[in-house]
Amino acid sequence: MNAERDDKRTLTGAAAITGMLEGLTEILDRLQQVWGQGGEARGTGEVGRDAQGVFGFAVKVGLGKDANLEVKPGGNIRPDAKTGETRVHETYEPVVDVFEESDHTLVVAEMPGIGAADLHLDIRDDLLEIRAESDTRRYRKEILLPRSYRPEQLESKCNNGVLEIRCHNREHSAV
């Protein structure tokens, strides 16, 4: 039966879909483990052998009676704004987490292959735009923050493709 299934995958080109489904099954198993304890699960993958696109996501599960499930997509495979059809875009959308702290909002973005010199941040009231470009990748993401900030309230650092932006609630002098 497995040999028969392998032949069908090879002949029909369904190996990529089968691989994705197997990967999703693993992710669902991990989610089930995390569900009762709270926590986070992340995943990334490629579509097919000659993949031109990347799709990733982060899933967060809360605890208690107000527990919620949050799925954040990332990558460069997403619907086209004009046609609605899913396609591979040249610009990646990083997976981003926003944490509200007592004295600041922390934004964490995953952008492999990016360094501090590749970054451009723009803040307009409560809308933060992240743009980054290296020799191999381009990223762009707009994030709606819980409150308005001015450029001088932002402090950022990038290490190994992980960008951390602290949006200070009060005036802050960068160190």
C-alpha atoms as a PDB file:
ATOM      1  CA  MET A   1       0.000   0.000   0.000  1.00  0.00           C
ATOM      2  CA  ASN A   2       2.825   2.456   0.816  1.00  0.00           C
ATOM      3  CA  ALA A   3       4.608   1.622  -2.451  1.00  0.00           C
ATOM      4  CA  GLU A   4       1.338   2.210  -4.273  1.00  0.00           C
ATOM      5  CA  ARG A   5       0.911   5.554  -2.498  1.00  0.00           C
ATOM      6  CA  ASP A   6       4.536   6.519  -3.240  1.00  0.00           C
ATOM      7  CA  ASP A   7       3.988   5.743  -6.944  1.00  0.00           C
ATOM      8  CA  LYS A   8       0.870   7.915  -6.998  1.00  0.00           C
ATOM      9  CA  ARG A   9       2.743  10.771  -5.321  1.00  0.00           C
ATOM     10  CA  THR A  10       5.537  10.573  -7.856  1.00  0.00           C
ATOM     11  CA  LEU A  11       3.224  10.290 -10.838  1.00  0.00           C
ATOM     12  CA  THR A  12       0.733  12.922  -9.786  1.00  0.00           C
ATOM     13  CA  GLY A  13       3.127  15.364  -8.132  1.00  0.00           C
ATOM     14  CA  ALA A  14       1.138  15.084  -4.900  1.00  0.00           C
ATOM     15  CA  ALA A  15       4.270  14.476  -2.809  1.00  0.00           C
ATOM     16  CA  ALA A  16       4.415  18.147  -1.855  1.00  0.00           C
ATOM     17  CA  ILE A  17       0.806  18.132  -0.683  1.00  0.00           C
ATOM     18  CA  THR A  18       1.286  14.854   1.198  1.00  0.00           C
ATOM     19  CA  GLY A  19       4.387  16.280   2.866  1.00  0.00           C
ATOM     20  CA  MET A  20       2.509  19.421   3.868  1.00  0.00           C
ATOM     21  CA  LEU A  21      -0.347  17.374   5.327  1.00  0.00           C
ATOM     22  CA  GLU A  22       2.090  15.217   7.285  1.00  0.00           C
ATOM     23  CA  GLY A  23       3.746  18.393   8.587  1.00  0.00           C
ATOM     24  CA  LEU A  24       0.372  19.826   9.585  1.00  0.00           C
ATOM     25  CA  THR A  25      -0.454  16.603  11.411  1.00  0.00           C
ATOM     26  CA  GLU A  26       2.764  16.969  13.421  1.00  0.00           C
ATOM     27  CA  ILE A  27       1.861  20.575  14.202  1.00  0.00           C
ATOM     28  CA  LEU A  28      -1.645  19.599  15.337  1.00  0.00           C
ATOM     29  CA  ASP A  29      -0.128  16.942  17.606  1.00  0.00           C
ATOM     30  CA  ARG A  30       2.160  19.593  19.119  1.00  0.00           C
ATOM     31  CA  LEU A  31      -0.790  21.965  19.539  1.00  0.00           C
ATOM     32  CA  GLN A  32      -2.746  19.300  21.370  1.00  0.00           C
ATOM     33  CA  GLN A  33       0.198  18.865  23.771  1.00  0.00           C
ATOM     34  CA  VAL A  34       0.456  22.635  24.318  1.00  0.00           C
ATOM     35  CA  TRP A  35      -3.303  23.242  24.608  1.00  0.00           C
ATOM     36  CA  GLY A  36      -3.730  22.154  28.223  1.00  0.00           C
ATOM     37  CA  GLN A  37      -0.534  23.841  29.431  1.00  0.00           C
ATOM     38  CA  GLY A  38      -0.500  27.122  27.514  1.00  0.00           C
ATOM     39  CA  GLY A  39       2.529  27.977  25.435  1.00  0.00           C
ATOM     40  CA  GLU A  40       3.604  28.458  21.877  1.00  0.00           C
ATOM     41  CA  ALA A  41       4.227  26.346  18.776  1.00  0.00           C
ATOM     42  CA  ARG A  42       5.984  27.527  15.625  1.00  0.00           C
ATOM     43  CA  GLY A  43       6.467  25.998  12.218  1.00  0.00           C
ATOM     44  CA  THR A  44       7.928  26.759   8.820  1.00  0.00           C
ATOM     45  CA  GLY A  45       8.143  24.793   5.623  1.00  0.00           C
ATOM     46  CA  GLU A  46       8.601  24.782   1.897  1.00  0.00           C
ATOM     47  CA  VAL A  47       6.114  24.023  -0.836  1.00  0.00           C
ATOM     48  CA  GLY A  48       7.434  21.342  -3.180  1.00  0.00           C
ATOM     49  CA  ARG A  49      10.971  20.475  -4.162  1.00  0.00           C
ATOM     50  CA  ASP A  50      11.489  23.518  -6.360  1.00  0.00           C
ATOM     51  CA  ALA A  51       9.904  25.803  -3.783  1.00  0.00           C
ATOM     52  CA  GLN A  52       9.979  29.475  -4.559  1.00  0.00           C
ATOM     53  CA  GLY A  53       7.959  30.440  -1.521  1.00  0.00           C
ATOM     54  CA  VAL A  54       8.047  30.072   2.228  1.00  0.00           C
ATOM     55  CA  PHE A  55       5.102  29.916   4.591  1.00  0.00           C
ATOM     56  CA  GLY A  56       5.488  30.063   8.333  1.00  0.00           C
ATOM     57  CA  PHE A  57       3.262  30.641  11.303  1.00  0.00           C
ATOM     58  CA  ALA A  58       3.224  30.966  15.064  1.00  0.00           C
ATOM     59  CA  VAL A  59       0.427  29.621  17.229  1.00  0.00           C
ATOM     60  CA  LYS A  60      -0.116  30.821  20.807  1.00  0.00           C
ATOM     61  CA  VAL A  61      -2.436  29.173  23.280  1.00  0.00           C
ATOM     62  CA  GLY A  62      -3.429  30.904  26.517  1.00  0.00           C
ATOM     63  CA  LEU A  63      -4.333  29.417  29.902  1.00  0.00           C
ATOM     64  CA  GLY A  64      -7.456  29.574  32.043  1.00  0.00           C
ATOM     65  CA  LYS A  65     -11.089  30.209  31.208  1.00  0.00           C
ATOM     66  CA  ASP A  66     -10.181  33.210  29.027  1.00  0.00           C
ATOM     67  CA  ALA A  67      -7.697  31.114  27.014  1.00  0.00           C
ATOM     68  CA  ASN A  68      -7.561  31.911  23.339  1.00  0.00           C
ATOM     69  CA  LEU A  69      -5.849  30.514  20.285  1.00  0.00           C
ATOM     70  CA  GLU A  70      -3.906  32.948  18.115  1.00  0.00           C
ATOM     71  CA  VAL A  71      -2.377  32.036  14.750  1.00  0.00           C
ATOM     72  CA  LYS A  72       0.000  34.512  13.078  1.00  0.00           C
ATOM     73  CA  PRO A  73       1.081  33.784   9.501  1.00  0.00           C
ATOM     74  CA  GLY A  74       4.400  34.735   7.951  1.00  0.00           C
ATOM     75  CA  GLY A  75       6.445  34.119   4.828  1.00  0.00           C
ATOM     76  CA  ASN A  76       5.908  35.209   1.241  1.00  0.00           C
ATOM     77  CA  ILE A  77       2.982  32.977   0.208  1.00  0.00           C
ATOM     78  CA  ARG A  78      -0.252  34.916   0.704  1.00  0.00           C
ATOM     79  CA  PRO A  79      -3.315  36.149  -1.169  1.00  0.00           C
ATOM     80  CA  ASP A  80      -2.797  38.883  -3.740  1.00  0.00           C
ATOM     81  CA  ALA A  81      -4.450  42.130  -2.607  1.00  0.00           C
ATOM     82  CA  LYS A  82      -6.041  42.737  -6.033  1.00  0.00           C
ATOM     83  CA  THR A  83      -7.065  39.278  -7.225  1.00  0.00           C
ATOM     84  CA  GLY A  84      -7.371  37.389  -3.935  1.00  0.00           C
ATOM     85  CA  GLU A  85      -5.466  34.449  -5.470  1.00  0.00           C
ATOM     86  CA  THR A  86      -2.682  32.921  -3.393  1.00  0.00           C
ATOM     87  CA  ARG A  87       0.744  33.544  -4.903  1.00  0.00           C
ATOM     88  CA  VAL A  88       4.419  33.883  -4.044  1.00  0.00           C
ATOM     89  CA  HIS A  89       5.418  37.495  -3.339  1.00  0.00           C
ATOM     90  CA  GLU A  90       8.931  38.949  -3.598  1.00  0.00           C
ATOM     91  CA  THR A  91       8.621  40.501  -0.139  1.00  0.00           C
ATOM     92  CA  TYR A  92       8.394  38.307   2.940  1.00  0.00           C
ATOM     93  CA  GLU A  93       6.030  39.106   5.793  1.00  0.00           C
ATOM     94  CA  PRO A  94       7.834  38.313   9.059  1.00  0.00           C
ATOM     95  CA  VAL A  95       6.121  36.579  11.959  1.00  0.00           C
ATOM     96  CA  VAL A  96       5.663  39.292  14.599  1.00  0.00           C
ATOM     97  CA  ASP A  97       4.729  39.171  18.283  1.00  0.00           C
ATOM     98  CA  VAL A  98       3.607  42.230  20.264  1.00  0.00           C
ATOM     99  CA  PHE A  99       3.908  42.209  24.068  1.00  0.00           C
ATOM    100  CA  GLU A 100       2.455  44.926  26.294  1.00  0.00           C
ATOM    101  CA  GLU A 101       4.802  45.576  29.233  1.00  0.00           C
ATOM    102  CA  SER A 102       4.323  48.024  32.110  1.00  0.00           C
ATOM    103  CA  ASP A 103       6.583  50.749  30.680  1.00  0.00           C
ATOM    104  CA  HIS A 104       6.834  49.799  26.995  1.00  0.00           C
ATOM    105  CA  THR A 105       5.427  47.757  24.136  1.00  0.00           C
ATOM    106  CA  LEU A 106       7.816  45.096  22.844  1.00  0.00           C
ATOM    107  CA  VAL A 107       7.648  44.076  19.179  1.00  0.00           C
ATOM    108  CA  VAL A 108       9.617  40.973  18.148  1.00  0.00           C
ATOM    109  CA  ALA A 109       9.996  40.121  14.445  1.00  0.00           C
ATOM    110  CA  GLU A 110      11.741  37.106  12.935  1.00  0.00           C
ATOM    111  CA  MET A 111      13.664  38.046   9.788  1.00  0.00           C
ATOM    112  CA  PRO A 112      16.415  35.536   8.916  1.00  0.00           C
ATOM    113  CA  GLY A 113      19.313  37.012   6.973  1.00  0.00           C
ATOM    114  CA  ILE A 114      18.713  40.573   8.212  1.00  0.00           C
ATOM    115  CA  GLY A 115      21.065  42.752  10.251  1.00  0.00           C
ATOM    116  CA  ALA A 116      20.636  46.143  11.911  1.00  0.00           C
ATOM    117  CA  ALA A 117      22.045  47.969   8.857  1.00  0.00           C
ATOM    118  CA  ASP A 118      19.313  46.420   6.660  1.00  0.00           C
ATOM    119  CA  LEU A 119      16.415  47.834   8.738  1.00  0.00           C
ATOM    120  CA  HIS A 120      14.132  50.801   8.289  1.00  0.00           C
ATOM    121  CA  LEU A 121      11.457  51.610  10.877  1.00  0.00           C
ATOM    122  CA  ASP A 122       8.675  54.136  10.418  1.00  0.00           C
ATOM    123  CA  ILE A 123       6.115  55.074  13.059  1.00  0.00           C
ATOM    124  CA  ARG A 124       2.957  57.095  12.392  1.00  0.00           C
ATOM    125  CA  ASP A 125       0.824  57.373  15.529  1.00  0.00           C
ATOM    126  CA  ASP A 126      -0.056  53.746  16.381  1.00  0.00           C
ATOM    127  CA  LEU A 127       1.084  52.206  13.068  1.00  0.00           C
ATOM    128  CA  LEU A 128       4.625  50.773  12.979  1.00  0.00           C
ATOM    129  CA  GLU A 129       6.083  49.815   9.612  1.00  0.00           C
ATOM    130  CA  ILE A 130       9.092  47.502   9.443  1.00  0.00           C
ATOM    131  CA  ARG A 131      11.050  47.264   6.181  1.00  0.00           C
ATOM    132  CA  ALA A 132      14.302  45.389   5.683  1.00  0.00           C
ATOM    133  CA  GLU A 133      16.319  44.356   2.675  1.00  0.00           C
ATOM    134  CA  SER A 134      19.462  42.260   2.339  1.00  0.00           C
ATOM    135  CA  ASP A 135      21.136  40.716  -0.708  1.00  0.00           C
ATOM    136  CA  THR A 136      18.791  37.729  -0.553  1.00  0.00           C
ATOM    137  CA  ARG A 137      15.542  38.828   1.122  1.00  0.00           C
ATOM    138  CA  ARG A 138      13.103  41.693   1.488  1.00  0.00           C
ATOM    139  CA  TYR A 139      10.699  42.040   4.415  1.00  0.00           C
ATOM    140  CA  ARG A 140       7.780  44.362   5.094  1.00  0.00           C
ATOM    141  CA  LYS A 141       5.165  44.414   7.825  1.00  0.00           C
ATOM    142  CA  GLU A 142       2.746  46.970   9.274  1.00  0.00           C
ATOM    143  CA  ILE A 143       1.836  46.491  12.924  1.00  0.00           C
ATOM    144  CA  LEU A 144      -1.008  48.215  14.748  1.00  0.00           C
ATOM    145  CA  LEU A 145       0.268  49.099  18.214  1.00  0.00           C
ATOM    146  CA  PRO A 146      -1.913  49.522  21.325  1.00  0.00           C
ATOM    147  CA  ARG A 147      -1.143  53.280  21.490  1.00  0.00           C
ATOM    148  CA  SER A 148       0.553  56.080  19.560  1.00  0.00           C
ATOM    149  CA  TYR A 149       4.322  56.565  19.670  1.00  0.00           C
ATOM    150  CA  ARG A 150       6.823  59.053  18.263  1.00  0.00           C
ATOM    151  CA  PRO A 151      10.102  58.012  16.562  1.00  0.00           C
ATOM    152  CA  GLU A 152      12.193  59.108  19.557  1.00  0.00           C
ATOM    153  CA  GLN A 153      10.281  56.629  21.751  1.00  0.00           C
ATOM    154  CA  LEU A 154      11.519  53.642  19.698  1.00  0.00           C
ATOM    155  CA  GLU A 155      14.619  51.630  20.548  1.00  0.00           C
ATOM    156  CA  SER A 156      15.590  48.681  18.352  1.00  0.00           C
ATOM    157  CA  LYS A 157      18.204  45.964  18.174  1.00  0.00           C
ATOM    158  CA  CYS A 158      18.677  43.123  15.720  1.00  0.00           C
ATOM    159  CA  ASN A 159      20.601  39.960  16.502  1.00  0.00           C
ATOM    160  CA  ASN A 160      20.770  36.876  14.250  1.00  0.00           C
ATOM    161  CA  GLY A 161      17.679  37.912  12.307  1.00  0.00           C
ATOM    162  CA  VAL A 162      15.555  38.576  15.398  1.00  0.00           C
ATOM    163  CA  LEU A 163      14.446  42.210  15.636  1.00  0.00           C
ATOM    164  CA  GLU A 164      13.347  43.617  18.992  1.00  0.00           C
ATOM    165  CA  ILE A 165      11.696  47.034  19.093  1.00  0.00           C
ATOM    166  CA  ARG A 166      10.898  48.665  22.414  1.00  0.00           C
ATOM    167  CA  CYS A 167       8.263  51.385  22.141  1.00  0.00           C
ATOM    168  CA  HIS A 168       8.708  53.301  25.399  1.00  0.00           C
ATOM    169  CA  ASN A 169       5.592  54.811  26.956  1.00  0.00           C
ATOM    170  CA  ARG A 170       7.578  57.891  28.077  1.00  0.00           C
ATOM    171  CA  GLU A 171      10.403  59.836  26.531  1.00  0.00           C
ATOM    172  CA  HIS A 172      13.477  57.638  26.332  1.00  0.00           C
ATOM    173  CA  SER A 173      17.086  58.370  25.511  1.00  0.00           C
ATOM    174  CA  ALA A 174      18.708  55.572  23.513  1.00  0.00           C
ATOM    175  CA  VAL A 175      21.798  54.214  25.275  1.00  0.00           C
END
